[in-house]
Protein backbone atom coordinates (compact mmCIF):
# COMPACT_ATOMS: atom_id res chain seq x y z
CA UNK A 1 217.85 172.96 81.29
CA UNK A 2 214.18 173.48 82.02
CA UNK A 3 211.97 176.12 80.69
CA UNK A 4 209.17 177.92 82.58
CA UNK A 5 206.48 180.45 81.58
CA UNK A 6 206.29 184.00 83.46
CA UNK A 7 202.59 184.21 84.38
CA UNK A 8 202.95 188.05 84.96
CA UNK A 9 202.62 188.68 80.94
CA UNK A 10 199.00 187.53 81.22
CA UNK A 11 198.00 190.23 84.01
CA UNK A 12 200.36 193.10 83.17
CA UNK A 13 200.10 195.67 80.56
CA UNK A 14 197.62 194.94 77.74
CA UNK A 15 196.29 192.21 79.58
CA UNK A 16 195.57 194.33 82.88
CA UNK A 17 191.99 195.05 82.46
CA UNK A 18 191.02 191.56 81.36
CA UNK A 19 193.90 189.42 82.66
CA UNK A 20 194.03 185.52 81.99
CA UNK A 21 193.06 183.74 85.06
CA UNK A 22 195.72 181.68 87.04
CA UNK A 23 194.44 178.43 86.66
CA UNK A 24 193.88 178.89 82.75
CA UNK A 25 197.44 180.17 82.73
CA UNK A 26 198.59 176.70 84.41
CA UNK A 27 196.40 174.56 82.09
CA UNK A 28 198.16 176.27 78.82
CA UNK A 29 201.59 176.07 80.30
CA UNK A 30 201.11 172.26 81.00
CA UNK A 31 199.32 171.39 77.69
CA UNK A 32 202.20 173.33 75.75
CA UNK A 33 204.81 170.94 77.75
CA UNK A 34 206.72 173.59 79.78
CA UNK A 35 208.58 172.38 82.75
CA UNK A 36 206.86 174.91 85.06
CA UNK A 37 206.00 178.53 85.53
CA UNK A 38 207.18 181.50 87.17
CA UNK A 39 205.07 182.77 89.53
CA UNK A 40 203.46 186.38 89.55
CA UNK A 41 202.88 187.75 93.04
CA UNK A 42 200.35 190.62 92.08
CA UNK A 43 197.01 190.13 91.94
CA UNK A 44 195.06 188.66 90.32
CA UNK A 45 197.61 185.58 90.82
CA UNK A 46 199.50 184.60 94.04
CA UNK A 47 199.70 187.75 96.20
CA UNK A 48 199.90 187.91 99.85
CA UNK A 49 196.62 188.98 100.38
CA UNK A 50 194.80 186.36 98.26
CA UNK A 51 197.30 183.64 99.73
CA UNK A 52 197.70 184.56 103.22
CA UNK A 53 198.02 181.11 104.99
CA UNK A 54 200.26 178.35 104.53
CA UNK A 55 197.44 175.69 103.80
CA UNK A 56 196.42 178.17 100.76
CA UNK A 57 199.72 177.94 99.44
CA UNK A 58 200.11 174.43 99.82
CA UNK A 59 197.04 174.00 97.78
CA UNK A 60 198.74 176.03 94.94
CA UNK A 61 201.79 173.74 94.97
CA UNK A 62 199.49 170.75 94.92
CA UNK A 63 197.80 171.99 91.74
CA UNK A 64 201.30 172.48 89.73
CA UNK A 65 202.34 168.80 90.85
CA UNK A 66 199.20 167.59 89.80
CA UNK A 67 199.79 169.25 86.19
CA UNK A 68 203.45 168.21 86.44
CA UNK A 69 204.52 172.01 86.81
CA UNK A 70 207.50 172.90 88.56
CA UNK A 71 208.48 176.60 89.83
CA UNK A 72 211.42 178.51 88.85
CA UNK A 73 210.96 181.40 90.77
CA UNK A 74 208.42 183.76 92.40
CA UNK A 75 208.25 187.49 91.55
CA UNK A 76 206.55 189.67 94.16
CA UNK A 77 204.82 192.75 94.64
CA UNK A 78 207.09 195.11 96.50
CA UNK A 79 206.21 198.20 94.91
CA UNK A 80 204.58 199.68 98.00
CA UNK A 81 208.32 200.22 99.57
CA UNK A 82 211.03 201.74 97.30
CA UNK A 83 214.35 199.78 98.72
CA UNK A 84 216.69 202.39 97.50
CA UNK A 85 214.67 205.47 99.38
CA UNK A 86 216.00 206.65 103.11
CA UNK A 87 213.99 205.44 105.93
CA UNK A 88 212.56 202.44 104.06
CA UNK A 89 214.85 199.58 105.61
CA UNK A 90 212.25 198.06 108.29
CA UNK A 91 209.36 198.44 106.10
CA UNK A 92 211.23 196.77 103.28
CA UNK A 93 212.49 193.86 105.08
CA UNK A 94 208.88 193.12 106.88
CA UNK A 95 207.37 193.05 102.98
CA UNK A 96 210.20 191.04 101.93
CA UNK A 97 210.10 188.73 104.93
CA UNK A 98 206.34 188.30 104.07
CA UNK A 99 207.15 187.59 100.74
CA UNK A 100 209.96 185.16 101.27
CA UNK A 101 207.44 183.21 103.70
CA UNK A 102 205.02 182.77 100.71
CA UNK A 103 207.66 182.09 98.36
CA UNK A 104 209.19 179.05 100.61
CA UNK A 105 205.50 177.72 101.12
CA UNK A 106 205.16 177.44 97.48
CA UNK A 107 208.37 175.56 97.22
CA UNK A 108 210.01 178.19 94.85
CA UNK A 109 213.68 178.12 95.07
CA UNK A 110 214.04 181.81 93.97
CA UNK A 111 212.61 185.14 94.51
CA UNK A 112 212.88 188.25 92.07
CA UNK A 113 213.82 191.79 93.52
CA UNK A 114 214.35 194.96 91.67
CA UNK A 115 215.67 198.26 92.65
CA UNK A 116 212.96 200.73 92.72
CA UNK A 117 212.94 204.28 91.72
CA UNK A 118 213.24 205.95 88.21
CA UNK A 119 216.90 206.64 86.68
CA UNK A 120 217.33 210.16 86.83
CA UNK A 121 215.08 210.88 89.90
CA UNK A 122 217.99 211.39 92.36
CA UNK A 123 221.08 213.88 92.27
CA UNK A 124 224.50 212.42 91.97
CA UNK A 125 225.21 212.46 95.98
CA UNK A 126 221.44 211.06 96.64
CA UNK A 127 222.16 208.67 93.76
CA UNK A 128 225.79 207.35 95.57
CA UNK A 129 223.99 207.17 98.78
CA UNK A 130 221.08 205.15 97.39
CA UNK A 131 223.44 202.75 96.02
CA UNK A 132 225.01 201.96 99.18
CA UNK A 133 222.06 202.06 101.30
CA UNK A 134 220.45 199.30 98.84
CA UNK A 135 223.57 197.09 98.77
CA UNK A 136 223.35 196.87 102.88
CA UNK A 137 219.42 196.39 102.74
CA UNK A 138 219.85 193.69 100.30
CA UNK A 139 222.66 191.88 102.20
CA UNK A 140 220.07 191.55 105.04
CA UNK A 141 217.61 190.38 102.82
CA UNK A 142 219.61 187.92 101.25
CA UNK A 143 220.67 186.71 104.73
CA UNK A 144 216.92 186.47 105.78
CA UNK A 145 215.93 184.33 102.43
CA UNK A 146 218.63 181.94 102.99
CA UNK A 147 217.40 180.90 106.24
CA UNK A 148 214.09 179.82 104.35
CA UNK A 149 215.87 178.33 101.48
CA UNK A 150 215.18 181.06 99.09
CA UNK A 151 217.71 182.49 96.59
CA UNK A 152 217.31 186.38 95.91
CA UNK A 153 217.83 187.63 92.31
CA UNK A 154 217.93 191.12 91.35
CA UNK A 155 216.45 191.91 87.73
CA UNK A 156 218.65 194.73 86.56
CA UNK A 157 216.34 197.00 83.86
CA UNK A 158 216.13 200.34 82.10
CA UNK A 159 213.11 201.10 84.18
CA UNK A 160 214.63 201.26 87.69
CA UNK A 161 218.25 202.47 89.26
CA UNK A 162 221.29 201.13 88.39
CA UNK A 163 221.21 199.91 85.28
CA UNK A 164 224.69 200.60 83.75
CA UNK A 165 226.58 197.10 83.15
CA UNK A 166 229.18 198.46 85.31
CA UNK A 167 226.83 199.36 88.16
CA UNK A 168 225.58 195.99 87.94
CA UNK A 169 228.69 194.52 88.68
CA UNK A 170 229.73 196.52 91.13
CA UNK A 171 226.12 196.81 93.08
CA UNK A 172 226.26 192.60 93.36
CA UNK A 173 230.00 192.94 94.48
CA UNK A 174 228.72 195.62 97.35
CA UNK A 175 225.89 193.44 98.48
CA UNK A 176 228.62 190.73 98.92
CA UNK A 177 226.31 187.58 99.71
CA UNK A 178 226.49 184.43 98.39
CA UNK A 179 222.70 184.18 98.43
CA UNK A 180 222.23 187.08 96.38
CA UNK A 181 222.26 186.50 92.38
CA UNK A 182 221.82 188.55 89.20
CA UNK A 183 218.66 187.88 87.27
CA UNK A 184 219.84 188.09 83.43
CA UNK A 185 216.79 189.20 81.14
CA UNK A 186 218.30 189.04 77.76
CA UNK A 187 215.75 192.08 76.53
CA UNK A 188 216.97 193.98 79.62
CA UNK A 189 220.68 192.96 78.96
CA UNK A 190 220.41 194.11 75.16
CA UNK A 191 218.61 197.82 76.25
CA UNK A 192 221.57 198.27 79.01
CA UNK A 193 224.49 196.93 77.11
CA UNK A 194 223.79 197.93 73.53
CA UNK A 195 221.44 200.96 73.63
CA UNK A 196 222.32 202.53 76.96
CA UNK A 197 218.66 203.31 77.62
CA UNK A 198 217.52 205.31 80.66
CA UNK A 199 220.97 205.53 82.33
CA UNK A 200 221.94 208.25 84.79
CA UNK A 201 224.84 210.27 83.83
CA UNK A 202 227.16 209.11 80.89
CA UNK A 203 225.73 206.75 78.73
CA UNK A 204 227.46 203.40 78.98
CA UNK A 205 227.20 201.05 76.10
CA UNK A 206 229.61 197.95 75.65
CA UNK A 207 231.36 197.43 72.03
CA UNK A 208 230.94 193.76 72.49
CA UNK A 209 227.22 194.02 73.58
CA UNK A 210 225.08 191.42 75.31
CA UNK A 211 227.88 189.02 75.16
CA UNK A 212 230.41 190.92 76.68
CA UNK A 213 227.80 191.99 79.41
CA UNK A 214 227.49 188.29 79.96
CA UNK A 215 231.15 187.76 80.72
CA UNK A 216 231.44 190.77 82.86
CA UNK A 217 228.79 188.80 85.04
CA UNK A 218 230.35 185.84 85.01
CA UNK A 219 229.78 183.97 88.21
CA UNK A 220 227.35 186.61 89.33
CA UNK A 221 224.13 185.18 87.55
CA UNK A 222 221.52 182.82 89.47
CA UNK A 223 218.71 183.00 86.97
CA UNK A 224 217.76 183.91 83.35
CA UNK A 225 214.62 185.48 81.50
CA UNK A 226 214.83 184.97 77.90
CA UNK A 227 212.89 187.29 75.38
CA UNK A 228 213.98 189.33 72.03
CA UNK A 229 214.26 192.94 72.12
CA UNK A 230 213.97 195.41 69.03
CA UNK A 231 216.03 198.21 70.94
CA UNK A 232 212.95 200.06 72.04
CA UNK A 233 211.14 200.91 75.36
CA UNK A 234 207.83 200.26 76.42
CA UNK A 235 205.93 203.23 77.39
CA UNK A 236 209.37 204.95 77.53
CA UNK A 237 209.91 202.76 80.74
CA UNK A 238 211.39 199.50 80.14
CA UNK A 239 212.65 197.19 77.56
CA UNK A 240 210.18 196.09 74.93
CA UNK A 241 209.90 192.43 75.40
CA UNK A 242 209.91 191.43 71.35
CA UNK A 243 208.71 187.95 70.46
CA UNK A 244 211.51 185.53 69.39
CA UNK A 245 212.84 186.38 65.89
CA UNK A 246 211.31 189.70 65.93
CA UNK A 247 214.06 191.62 67.55
CA UNK A 248 217.88 192.18 67.41
CA UNK A 249 219.38 189.79 69.57
CA UNK A 250 221.48 186.96 67.85
CA UNK A 251 220.36 183.99 70.27
CA UNK A 252 222.09 181.27 68.05
CA UNK A 253 225.55 183.24 69.13
CA UNK A 254 224.08 184.04 72.68
CA UNK A 255 222.41 180.48 73.69
CA UNK A 256 225.78 178.46 74.03
CA UNK A 257 227.11 181.27 76.65
CA UNK A 258 223.70 181.25 78.42
CA UNK A 259 223.47 177.10 78.44
CA UNK A 260 227.18 177.18 79.90
CA UNK A 261 226.27 179.77 83.03
CA UNK A 262 226.96 177.51 86.21
CA UNK A 263 224.19 176.90 88.40
CA UNK A 264 221.32 178.15 86.34
CA UNK A 265 218.97 175.50 86.28
CA UNK A 266 215.89 177.18 84.48
CA UNK A 267 215.15 179.86 81.63
CA UNK A 268 211.87 181.54 82.05
CA UNK A 269 210.12 182.93 78.73
CA UNK A 270 209.49 186.59 79.59
CA UNK A 271 206.35 188.02 77.58
CA UNK A 272 205.69 190.84 79.58
CA UNK A 273 203.74 193.90 77.89
CA UNK A 274 203.32 192.25 74.67
CA UNK A 275 199.88 192.47 73.67
CA UNK A 276 198.79 188.89 72.20
CA UNK A 277 201.89 187.04 73.65
CA UNK A 278 198.81 184.42 74.69
CA UNK A 279 199.13 182.97 71.13
CA UNK A 280 202.80 182.99 71.13
CA UNK A 281 203.19 180.57 74.22
CA UNK A 282 203.54 177.19 72.42
CA UNK A 283 205.76 178.76 69.94
CA UNK A 284 208.26 180.36 72.08
CA UNK A 285 208.49 177.18 73.90
CA UNK A 286 209.64 175.47 70.64
CA UNK A 287 211.92 178.38 69.61
CA UNK A 288 213.78 178.06 73.32
CA UNK A 289 213.98 174.28 73.14
CA UNK A 290 215.76 174.60 69.76
CA UNK A 291 218.17 177.03 70.99
CA UNK A 292 219.00 174.72 73.89
CA UNK A 293 219.32 171.72 71.34
CA UNK A 294 221.67 173.27 69.30
CA UNK A 295 223.62 175.23 72.09
CA UNK A 296 224.30 171.77 73.94
CA UNK A 297 227.62 170.12 72.58
CA UNK A 298 226.83 166.42 71.23
């Protein structure tokens, strides 16, 4: 199992006014011993606007290779086009295509997507229509990405539509493309399966919690983000990504099940929206390495 560092943590939320430069983030990840990084596609990191050419992207790739860092995935800025909204198909696919090309130029094996739109923003009729529309759109996107050798991974979370455990399973089934996977973020999984945060309509909580959710998604997960949860929301929107050991997730029980996921090669440490996470980079790596070592059968 390889471990990467999500670079968005140092440019979002508490770091938005004074983001950590891209180069400094890379050097820190390499010095701490991470196997790679997961790349933020938002300014001031590796965005379409800042890296518009294949040559500029190859330079990023060479710098990562010089530092001995791989790439676990790419998180693009797709916020300009809500994929669940009616009439956005062509605009979304165009933006998606351009980001997939960037992703492929970087040598990233995977690109993250989300469902867009806030929970509770649609009527029940509109909600059902958006579900079908999104499934069809992501089926096309997965096919497009496959042509570039890039897998697509959907990160469900309380901040966006379709975050009930059963909805995550149903939407993956509705997309029905072998290149489309679920991204399992442990903090989001806790909030969606244990807390039932920001779910539209009747709340859905699993008696078996995060482990039951993981079992429901068997054969669907293509990537993992790992971080703790204290059962609260950040800014009343999405999961609080609490530092390891400060939350409620029983990682010693969860880790063996995560290690056993077929086809998952990377775990990405995701400190998104946590103030002071720059000082936790090394300790988080040590925590995750210990988890893996203890979870892997002798």
